[in-house]
C-alpha atoms as a PDB file:
ATOM      1  CA  MET A   1     171.372 232.630  65.430  1.00  0.00           C
ATOM      2  CA  THR A   2     173.671 230.982  67.903  1.00  0.00           C
ATOM      3  CA  PHE A   3     174.238 227.247  68.145  1.00  0.00           C
ATOM      4  CA  THR A   4     172.455 227.174  71.525  1.00  0.00           C
ATOM      5  CA  LYS A   5     169.288 228.793  70.154  1.00  0.00           C
ATOM      6  CA  LYS A   6     169.222 226.407  67.183  1.00  0.00           C
ATOM      7  CA  TRP A   7     169.586 223.429  69.523  1.00  0.00           C
ATOM      8  CA  VAL A   8     166.705 224.638  71.736  1.00  0.00           C
ATOM      9  CA  ILE A   9     164.412 225.166  68.711  1.00  0.00           C
ATOM     10  CA  LEU A  10     165.230 221.756  67.259  1.00  0.00           C
ATOM     11  CA  THR A  11     164.621 220.097  70.625  1.00  0.00           C
ATOM     12  CA  VAL A  12     161.198 221.769  70.994  1.00  0.00           C
ATOM     13  CA  VAL A  13     160.189 220.776  67.458  1.00  0.00           C
ATOM     14  CA  PHE A  14     161.315 217.195  68.108  1.00  0.00           C
ATOM     15  CA  ILE A  15     159.252 217.009  71.323  1.00  0.00           C
ATOM     16  CA  ILE A  16     156.145 218.365  69.536  1.00  0.00           C
ATOM     17  CA  VAL A  17     156.486 215.752  66.776  1.00  0.00           C
ATOM     18  CA  ILE A  18     156.861 212.920  69.312  1.00  0.00           C
ATOM     19  CA  VAL A  19     153.877 214.054  71.405  1.00  0.00           C
ATOM     20  CA  THR A  20     151.675 214.471  68.322  1.00  0.00           C
ATOM     21  CA  SER A  21     152.631 210.996  67.106  1.00  0.00           C
ATOM     22  CA  MET A  22     151.798 209.499  70.488  1.00  0.00           C
ATOM     23  CA  VAL A  23     148.345 211.142  70.492  1.00  0.00           C
ATOM     24  CA  VAL A  24     147.604 209.745  67.031  1.00  0.00           C
ATOM     25  CA  ILE A  25     148.731 206.260  68.104  1.00  0.00           C
ATOM     26  CA  LEU A  26     146.660 206.378  71.308  1.00  0.00           C
ATOM     27  CA  ASN A  27     143.567 207.533  69.436  1.00  0.00           C
ATOM     28  CA  THR A  28     144.005 204.723  66.927  1.00  0.00           C
ATOM     29  CA  VAL A  29     144.372 202.105  69.655  1.00  0.00           C
ATOM     30  CA  GLY A  30     141.355 203.501  71.493  1.00  0.00           C
ATOM     31  CA  ALA A  31     139.220 203.287  68.380  1.00  0.00           C
ATOM     32  CA  LYS A  32     140.161 199.639  67.953  1.00  0.00           C
ATOM     33  CA  LYS A  33     139.267 198.870  71.544  1.00  0.00           C
ATOM     34  CA  VAL A  34     135.735 200.260  71.408  1.00  0.00           C
ATOM     35  CA  ARG A  35     134.790 199.065  67.945  1.00  0.00           C
ATOM     36  CA  ARG A  36     133.199 195.615  67.931  1.00  0.00           C
ATOM     37  CA  GLY A  37     131.959 195.617  64.361  1.00  0.00           C
ATOM     38  CA  ASN A  38     132.805 191.942  64.016  1.00  0.00           C
ATOM     39  CA  ALA A  39     130.563 190.957  66.943  1.00  0.00           C
ATOM     40  CA  THR A  40     127.497 188.751  66.607  1.00  0.00           C
ATOM     41  CA  ILE A  41     124.443 189.925  68.566  1.00  0.00           C
ATOM     42  CA  VAL A  42     121.257 187.872  68.988  1.00  0.00           C
ATOM     43  CA  PHE A  43     118.012 189.565  70.091  1.00  0.00           C
ATOM     44  CA  LEU A  44     115.146 187.657  71.733  1.00  0.00           C
ATOM     45  CA  HIS A  45     111.597 188.997  72.002  1.00  0.00           C
ATOM     46  CA  GLY A  46     109.080 188.432  74.787  1.00  0.00           C
ATOM     47  CA  TYR A  47     106.125 186.075  75.054  1.00  0.00           C
ATOM     48  CA  GLY A  48     103.640 186.336  72.196  1.00  0.00           C
ATOM     49  CA  SER A  49     105.661 189.063  70.481  1.00  0.00           C
ATOM     50  CA  SER A  50     107.740 189.178  67.290  1.00  0.00           C
ATOM     51  CA  ALA A  51     111.102 190.276  65.916  1.00  0.00           C
ATOM     52  CA  ARG A  52     109.700 193.786  65.447  1.00  0.00           C
ATOM     53  CA  ALA A  53     109.879 194.189  69.224  1.00  0.00           C
ATOM     54  CA  SER A  54     113.676 194.316  69.020  1.00  0.00           C
ATOM     55  CA  ASN A  55     113.862 196.748  66.075  1.00  0.00           C
ATOM     56  CA  LYS A  56     114.840 199.833  68.108  1.00  0.00           C
ATOM     57  CA  LEU A  57     117.446 197.911  70.081  1.00  0.00           C
ATOM     58  CA  ALA A  58     118.840 196.432  66.871  1.00  0.00           C
ATOM     59  CA  ASP A  59     118.858 199.860  65.197  1.00  0.00           C
ATOM     60  CA  ALA A  60     120.886 201.442  68.004  1.00  0.00           C
ATOM     61  CA  THR A  61     123.284 198.492  68.201  1.00  0.00           C
ATOM     62  CA  GLN A  62     123.779 198.349  64.451  1.00  0.00           C
ATOM     63  CA  SER A  63     124.566 202.071  64.350  1.00  0.00           C
ATOM     64  CA  ARG A  64     126.931 201.987  67.345  1.00  0.00           C
ATOM     65  CA  LEU A  65     128.862 198.895  66.266  1.00  0.00           C
ATOM     66  CA  SER A  66     128.689 199.558  62.497  1.00  0.00           C
ATOM     67  CA  ILE A  67     127.460 196.035  61.778  1.00  0.00           C
ATOM     68  CA  ARG A  68     126.176 195.621  58.219  1.00  0.00           C
ATOM     69  CA  ASN A  69     124.749 192.116  58.273  1.00  0.00           C
ATOM     70  CA  ARG A  70     121.323 192.078  59.944  1.00  0.00           C
ATOM     71  CA  LYS A  71     118.727 189.340  59.570  1.00  0.00           C
ATOM     72  CA  VAL A  72     115.391 188.264  61.034  1.00  0.00           C
ATOM     73  CA  ILE A  73     115.395 184.511  61.678  1.00  0.00           C
ATOM     74  CA  ARG A  74     111.957 182.917  62.064  1.00  0.00           C
ATOM     75  CA  ILE A  75     111.791 179.751  64.141  1.00  0.00           C
ATOM     76  CA  ASN A  76     108.641 177.662  63.800  1.00  0.00           C
ATOM     77  CA  ARG A  77     106.802 175.606  66.414  1.00  0.00           C
ATOM     78  CA  ASP A  78     109.087 172.631  65.749  1.00  0.00           C
ATOM     79  CA  GLY A  79     112.228 174.682  66.280  1.00  0.00           C
ATOM     80  CA  LYS A  80     113.123 174.726  62.595  1.00  0.00           C
ATOM     81  CA  PHE A  81     114.535 177.757  60.805  1.00  0.00           C
ATOM     82  CA  LYS A  82     116.159 178.653  57.508  1.00  0.00           C
ATOM     83  CA  ILE A  83     119.646 180.106  57.298  1.00  0.00           C
ATOM     84  CA  ASN A  84     122.595 179.459  55.026  1.00  0.00           C
ATOM     85  CA  HIS A  85     126.281 180.277  55.231  1.00  0.00           C
ATOM     86  CA  GLN A  86     125.815 183.339  53.006  1.00  0.00           C
ATOM     87  CA  GLN A  87     123.584 184.903  55.670  1.00  0.00           C
ATOM     88  CA  ILE A  88     126.276 184.595  58.343  1.00  0.00           C
ATOM     89  CA  SER A  89     129.157 187.056  58.141  1.00  0.00           C
ATOM     90  CA  ARG A  90     132.575 186.769  59.765  1.00  0.00           C
ATOM     91  CA  ALA A  91     132.541 190.584  59.810  1.00  0.00           C
ATOM     92  CA  GLY A  92     129.693 190.835  62.344  1.00  0.00           C
ATOM     93  CA  ASN A  93     125.993 189.961  62.580  1.00  0.00           C
ATOM     94  CA  ILE A  94     122.757 191.084  64.156  1.00  0.00           C
ATOM     95  CA  PHE A  95     120.119 188.363  64.334  1.00  0.00           C
ATOM     96  CA  GLN A  96     116.592 189.108  65.516  1.00  0.00           C
ATOM     97  CA  LEU A  97     114.972 185.792  66.354  1.00  0.00           C
ATOM     98  CA  GLU A  98     111.224 185.392  65.970  1.00  0.00           C
ATOM     99  CA  PHE A  99     109.392 182.438  67.455  1.00  0.00           C
ATOM    100  CA  THR A 100     106.380 182.137  65.167  1.00  0.00           C
ATOM    101  CA  ASP A 101     104.397 179.991  67.609  1.00  0.00           C
ATOM    102  CA  LYS A 102     103.301 182.646  70.111  1.00  0.00           C
ATOM    103  CA  GLN A 103     102.818 180.031  72.833  1.00  0.00           C
ATOM    104  CA  THR A 104     106.298 178.501  72.712  1.00  0.00           C
ATOM    105  CA  SER A 105     107.492 177.810  76.269  1.00  0.00           C
ATOM    106  CA  GLU A 106     110.710 179.091  77.817  1.00  0.00           C
ATOM    107  CA  LYS A 107     112.180 175.595  77.835  1.00  0.00           C
ATOM    108  CA  ASP A 108     111.442 175.048  74.144  1.00  0.00           C
ATOM    109  CA  GLU A 109     112.698 178.496  73.174  1.00  0.00           C
ATOM    110  CA  THR A 110     115.932 177.777  75.026  1.00  0.00           C
ATOM    111  CA  LYS A 111     116.317 174.517  73.154  1.00  0.00           C
ATOM    112  CA  TYR A 112     115.582 176.174  69.798  1.00  0.00           C
ATOM    113  CA  LEU A 113     117.999 178.999  70.623  1.00  0.00           C
ATOM    114  CA  ALA A 114     120.695 176.405  71.341  1.00  0.00           C
ATOM    115  CA  HIS A 115     120.086 174.795  67.940  1.00  0.00           C
ATOM    116  CA  PHE A 116     120.512 178.190  66.280  1.00  0.00           C
ATOM    117  CA  MET A 117     123.691 178.836  68.285  1.00  0.00           C
ATOM    118  CA  LYS A 118     125.132 175.506  67.227  1.00  0.00           C
ATOM    119  CA  THR A 119     124.491 176.456  63.616  1.00  0.00           C
ATOM    120  CA  LEU A 120     126.400 179.703  64.113  1.00  0.00           C
ATOM    121  CA  ARG A 121     129.324 177.833  65.654  1.00  0.00           C
ATOM    122  CA  MET A 122     129.445 175.436  62.702  1.00  0.00           C
ATOM    123  CA  GLN A 123     129.813 178.494  60.473  1.00  0.00           C
ATOM    124  CA  GLY A 124     132.798 179.769  62.442  1.00  0.00           C
ATOM    125  CA  ILE A 125     131.134 182.121  64.957  1.00  0.00           C
ATOM    126  CA  LYS A 126     133.011 181.584  68.225  1.00  0.00           C
ATOM    127  CA  THR A 127     131.529 184.336  70.424  1.00  0.00           C
ATOM    128  CA  ILE A 128     128.088 185.938  70.633  1.00  0.00           C
ATOM    129  CA  SER A 129     126.195 188.413  72.802  1.00  0.00           C
ATOM    130  CA  LEU A 130     122.553 187.953  73.829  1.00  0.00           C
ATOM    131  CA  SER A 131     119.856 190.529  74.505  1.00  0.00           C
ATOM    132  CA  GLY A 132     116.376 189.527  75.649  1.00  0.00           C
ATOM    133  CA  HIS A 133     113.194 191.369  76.600  1.00  0.00           C
ATOM    134  CA  SER A 134     110.732 189.925  79.118  1.00  0.00           C
ATOM    135  CA  MET A 135     110.501 186.153  78.572  1.00  0.00           C
ATOM    136  CA  GLY A 136     113.346 186.482  76.072  1.00  0.00           C
ATOM    137  CA  ALA A 137     115.555 187.597  78.969  1.00  0.00           C
ATOM    138  CA  ASN A 138     114.627 184.458  80.896  1.00  0.00           C
ATOM    139  CA  VAL A 139     115.449 182.344  77.846  1.00  0.00           C
ATOM    140  CA  GLY A 140     118.838 184.035  77.559  1.00  0.00           C
ATOM    141  CA  LEU A 141     119.589 183.315  81.213  1.00  0.00           C
ATOM    142  CA  ARG A 142     118.400 179.703  80.932  1.00  0.00           C
ATOM    143  CA  TYR A 143     120.679 179.155  77.955  1.00  0.00           C
ATOM    144  CA  ASN A 144     123.648 180.441  79.944  1.00  0.00           C
ATOM    145  CA  MET A 145     122.825 178.202  82.910  1.00  0.00           C
ATOM    146  CA  ASP A 146     122.527 174.973  80.946  1.00  0.00           C
ATOM    147  CA  LYS A 147     125.854 173.116  81.021  1.00  0.00           C
ATOM    148  CA  THR A 148     124.809 171.222  77.895  1.00  0.00           C
ATOM    149  CA  TYR A 149     125.513 174.332  75.858  1.00  0.00           C
ATOM    150  CA  GLN A 150     128.829 175.205  77.499  1.00  0.00           C
ATOM    151  CA  THR A 151     130.982 173.172  75.136  1.00  0.00           C
ATOM    152  CA  THR A 152     133.028 174.002  72.056  1.00  0.00           C
ATOM    153  CA  ALA A 153     130.057 172.919  69.925  1.00  0.00           C
ATOM    154  CA  TYR A 154     128.384 176.222  70.845  1.00  0.00           C
ATOM    155  CA  PRO A 155     129.616 179.823  70.739  1.00  0.00           C
ATOM    156  CA  LYS A 156     130.808 181.400  73.957  1.00  0.00           C
ATOM    157  CA  VAL A 157     128.478 184.086  75.317  1.00  0.00           C
ATOM    158  CA  ASP A 158     130.416 187.152  76.425  1.00  0.00           C
ATOM    159  CA  LYS A 159     127.521 189.518  77.240  1.00  0.00           C
ATOM    160  CA  LEU A 160     123.907 189.153  78.309  1.00  0.00           C
ATOM    161  CA  VAL A 161     121.342 191.960  78.403  1.00  0.00           C
ATOM    162  CA  THR A 162     118.088 191.352  80.274  1.00  0.00           C
ATOM    163  CA  ILE A 163     115.230 193.866  79.957  1.00  0.00           C
ATOM    164  CA  ALA A 164     111.979 193.826  81.996  1.00  0.00           C
ATOM    165  CA  ALA A 165     112.653 190.237  83.017  1.00  0.00           C
ATOM    166  CA  PRO A 166     110.184 188.241  85.179  1.00  0.00           C
ATOM    167  CA  PHE A 167     112.795 186.235  87.067  1.00  0.00           C
ATOM    168  CA  ASN A 168     110.354 185.650  89.932  1.00  0.00           C
ATOM    169  CA  MET A 169     106.792 186.246  88.696  1.00  0.00           C
ATOM    170  CA  GLY A 170     105.195 189.494  87.569  1.00  0.00           C
ATOM    171  CA  ILE A 171     102.083 191.374  88.707  1.00  0.00           C
ATOM    172  CA  ASN A 172      99.711 190.765  85.798  1.00  0.00           C
ATOM    173  CA  TYR A 173     100.267 187.081  85.104  1.00  0.00           C
ATOM    174  CA  PRO A 174      97.206 184.821  84.753  1.00  0.00           C
ATOM    175  CA  ASN A 175      96.377 182.926  87.958  1.00  0.00           C
ATOM    176  CA  MET A 176      99.263 184.608  89.745  1.00  0.00           C
ATOM    177  CA  LYS A 177      99.198 184.474  93.508  1.00  0.00           C
ATOM    178  CA  LYS A 178      98.561 187.942  94.916  1.00  0.00           C
ATOM    179  CA  GLU A 179     101.404 187.621  97.438  1.00  0.00           C
ATOM    180  CA  PHE A 180     103.921 187.995  94.599  1.00  0.00           C
ATOM    181  CA  GLN A 181     102.745 191.586  94.180  1.00  0.00           C
ATOM    182  CA  HIS A 182     104.204 192.359  97.600  1.00  0.00           C
ATOM    183  CA  ASN A 183     107.032 189.845  97.743  1.00  0.00           C
ATOM    184  CA  ARG A 184     109.836 190.474 100.202  1.00  0.00           C
ATOM    185  CA  ILE A 185     113.015 188.961 101.596  1.00  0.00           C
ATOM    186  CA  ASN A 186     112.730 186.163 104.133  1.00  0.00           C
ATOM    187  CA  LYS A 187     114.899 187.261 107.065  1.00  0.00           C
ATOM    188  CA  LYS A 188     115.981 183.705 107.854  1.00  0.00           C
ATOM    189  CA  THR A 189     116.943 182.543 104.364  1.00  0.00           C
ATOM    190  CA  GLN A 190     117.774 185.973 102.878  1.00  0.00           C
ATOM    191  CA  LEU A 191     115.886 184.807  99.766  1.00  0.00           C
ATOM    192  CA  PRO A 192     112.511 185.929  98.391  1.00  0.00           C
ATOM    193  CA  LEU A 193     109.674 184.771 100.596  1.00  0.00           C
ATOM    194  CA  TYR A 194     107.719 183.619  97.547  1.00  0.00           C
ATOM    195  CA  GLN A 195     109.501 181.854  94.707  1.00  0.00           C
ATOM    196  CA  ASP A 196     108.086 180.727  91.374  1.00  0.00           C
ATOM    197  CA  ASP A 197     109.414 177.861  89.247  1.00  0.00           C
ATOM    198  CA  ASN A 198     111.684 180.214  87.294  1.00  0.00           C
ATOM    199  CA  PHE A 199     113.387 181.492  90.405  1.00  0.00           C
ATOM    200  CA  LYS A 200     113.849 177.963  91.760  1.00  0.00           C
ATOM    201  CA  TYR A 201     115.427 176.817  88.485  1.00  0.00           C
ATOM    202  CA  PHE A 202     117.757 179.806  88.254  1.00  0.00           C
ATOM    203  CA  TYR A 203     118.817 179.592  91.883  1.00  0.00           C
ATOM    204  CA  LYS A 204     119.494 175.866  91.640  1.00  0.00           C
ATOM    205  CA  ASN A 205     121.636 176.291  88.512  1.00  0.00           C
ATOM    206  CA  ARG A 206     123.286 179.612  89.397  1.00  0.00           C
ATOM    207  CA  TYR A 207     126.749 178.060  89.713  1.00  0.00           C
ATOM    208  CA  ASN A 208     126.589 177.048  86.051  1.00  0.00           C
ATOM    209  CA  LEU A 209     126.679 180.717  85.080  1.00  0.00           C
ATOM    210  CA  ASN A 210     130.064 181.655  83.619  1.00  0.00           C
ATOM    211  CA  PRO A 211     131.610 184.208  86.036  1.00  0.00           C
ATOM    212  CA  GLN A 212     133.241 185.890  83.027  1.00  0.00           C
ATOM    213  CA  LEU A 213     129.845 186.634  81.493  1.00  0.00           C
ATOM    214  CA  ALA A 214     129.097 190.385  81.660  1.00  0.00           C
ATOM    215  CA  ILE A 215     125.440 191.131  82.455  1.00  0.00           C
ATOM    216  CA  MET A 216     123.317 194.267  82.162  1.00  0.00           C
ATOM    217  CA  ASN A 217     119.916 194.058  83.855  1.00  0.00           C
ATOM    218  CA  ILE A 218     117.405 196.814  82.973  1.00  0.00           C
ATOM    219  CA  PHE A 219     113.901 197.371  84.332  1.00  0.00           C
ATOM    220  CA  GLY A 220     111.372 200.201  84.324  1.00  0.00           C
ATOM    221  CA  ASP A 221     109.584 201.830  87.246  1.00  0.00           C
ATOM    222  CA  ILE A 222     106.318 203.613  86.421  1.00  0.00           C
ATOM    223  CA  GLY A 223     106.147 204.868  90.007  1.00  0.00           C
ATOM    224  CA  ASP A 224     104.919 201.798  91.874  1.00  0.00           C
ATOM    225  CA  GLN A 225     108.113 199.739  91.769  1.00  0.00           C
ATOM    226  CA  SER A 226     106.953 197.878  88.689  1.00  0.00           C
ATOM    227  CA  ASP A 227     106.844 198.409  84.935  1.00  0.00           C
ATOM    228  CA  GLY A 228     103.111 197.812  84.993  1.00  0.00           C
ATOM    229  CA  VAL A 229     103.532 194.095  84.333  1.00  0.00           C
ATOM    230  CA  VAL A 230     106.612 192.887  86.185  1.00  0.00           C
ATOM    231  CA  THR A 231     107.628 194.054  89.645  1.00  0.00           C
ATOM    232  CA  ASN A 232     111.090 195.500  90.097  1.00  0.00           C
ATOM    233  CA  PHE A 233     111.543 192.936  92.892  1.00  0.00           C
ATOM    234  CA  SER A 234     111.066 190.202  90.291  1.00  0.00           C
ATOM    235  CA  SER A 235     113.511 191.737  87.798  1.00  0.00           C
ATOM    236  CA  GLN A 236     116.067 192.372  90.544  1.00  0.00           C
ATOM    237  CA  ALA A 237     115.970 188.694  91.522  1.00  0.00           C
ATOM    238  CA  LEU A 238     118.876 188.299  89.102  1.00  0.00           C
ATOM    239  CA  ARG A 239     121.048 189.490  91.983  1.00  0.00           C
ATOM    240  CA  PHE A 240     120.593 186.101  93.633  1.00  0.00           C
ATOM    241  CA  PHE A 241     122.098 184.250  90.657  1.00  0.00           C
ATOM    242  CA  VAL A 242     125.223 186.243  89.800  1.00  0.00           C
ATOM    243  CA  SER A 243     128.562 185.666  91.500  1.00  0.00           C
ATOM    244  CA  LYS A 244     130.701 188.281  93.205  1.00  0.00           C
ATOM    245  CA  LYS A 245     133.191 187.986  90.362  1.00  0.00           C
ATOM    246  CA  GLN A 246     130.521 188.727  87.769  1.00  0.00           C
ATOM    247  CA  ARG A 247     130.483 192.044  85.973  1.00  0.00           C
ATOM    248  CA  TYR A 248     126.895 192.934  86.795  1.00  0.00           C
ATOM    249  CA  ILE A 249     125.226 196.247  85.928  1.00  0.00           C
ATOM    250  CA  GLU A 250     121.710 197.028  87.159  1.00  0.00           C
ATOM    251  CA  MET A 251     119.758 199.907  85.681  1.00  0.00           C
ATOM    252  CA  SER A 252     116.367 201.222  86.840  1.00  0.00           C
ATOM    253  CA  VAL A 253     114.671 203.538  84.338  1.00  0.00           C
ATOM    254  CA  THR A 254     111.997 206.063  85.293  1.00  0.00           C
ATOM    255  CA  GLY A 255     110.058 208.732  83.441  1.00  0.00           C
ATOM    256  CA  GLU A 256     108.282 208.297  80.123  1.00  0.00           C
ATOM    257  CA  HIS A 257     108.186 205.119  78.038  1.00  0.00           C
ATOM    258  CA  VAL A 258     109.288 202.729  80.787  1.00  0.00           C
ATOM    259  CA  GLN A 259     106.168 200.529  80.798  1.00  0.00           C
ATOM    260  CA  HIS A 260     106.843 196.839  80.166  1.00  0.00           C
ATOM    261  CA  SER A 261     106.267 196.837  76.400  1.00  0.00           C
ATOM    262  CA  GLN A 262     107.630 200.369  75.887  1.00  0.00           C
ATOM    263  CA  ILE A 263     110.949 200.143  77.697  1.00  0.00           C
ATOM    264  CA  ARG A 264     112.557 198.135  74.900  1.00  0.00           C
ATOM    265  CA  ASP A 265     112.104 201.230  72.661  1.00  0.00           C
ATOM    266  CA  ASN A 266     113.151 203.777  75.287  1.00  0.00           C
ATOM    267  CA  GLN A 267     115.985 205.884  73.818  1.00  0.00           C
ATOM    268  CA  THR A 268     118.019 205.814  77.028  1.00  0.00           C
ATOM    269  CA  VAL A 269     117.714 202.037  77.152  1.00  0.00           C
ATOM    270  CA  THR A 270     118.578 201.429  73.500  1.00  0.00           C
ATOM    271  CA  ARG A 271     121.600 203.739  73.800  1.00  0.00           C
ATOM    272  CA  GLN A 272     122.872 202.108  76.991  1.00  0.00           C
ATOM    273  CA  VAL A 273     122.392 198.605  75.592  1.00  0.00           C
ATOM    274  CA  ALA A 274     124.291 199.491  72.421  1.00  0.00           C
ATOM    275  CA  GLU A 275     127.092 201.022  74.498  1.00  0.00           C
ATOM    276  CA  PHE A 276     127.284 197.940  76.722  1.00  0.00           C
ATOM    277  CA  LEU A 277     127.411 195.593  73.729  1.00  0.00           C
ATOM    278  CA  ASN A 278     130.161 197.745  72.230  1.00  0.00           C
ATOM    279  CA  GLN A 279     132.496 197.383  75.215  1.00  0.00           C
END
């Protein structure tokens, strides 16, 4: 074999080794980027529900992020709960909150959530992600719009998931005005023609929302532009509160299992939520 042939062979082998090494390094870096196993995720159920309502979402998230520590935290009518430092892991957590008083208001739930968040921060948790269904979504948004909780005494919220949220009234609420069923945009103001107290609060405090907060807004459509309880127009009202700089993802889900109380267990939804929380 001539010197030239040997040199060519050695050069080819060297190039193959370098390329292979680079692929291994890139794959390793990629794996680190997508894995958020040290994240802390808090799930909030809807009005009159329980922690069981977030089981499917928690299952998918726990599997996708490989988080071992998972706890149900029950909060009583006075906002009190039991948790110790051994139940909070620096290696990642999934907390499913349960408000045992089924008639707890949004304002009180927000306040109780803040107390829980402060406890997490005292135990070294600096960043959390929130996921809420129905009224739980409203509570999550309220928490992120209250400047009181945007200090170093509370964890920073990096992601918010809202599912089937009644940001501006639903269609089956007691004593609800019928006009909300067919709400529309006022051409002069470019805002909803009919606005409930929730919408007014969110719109007034929209500038308190951290523009770095990533938001995924999910709602179901059973075929009449509602999930059977909340109109899509109401859920989509979140558009009026986010800034142009916000990372905002909106997802309408059709087909089977998209009714208000079913959508939280919908496999497409649970998978997409887990993927979003993993980013």
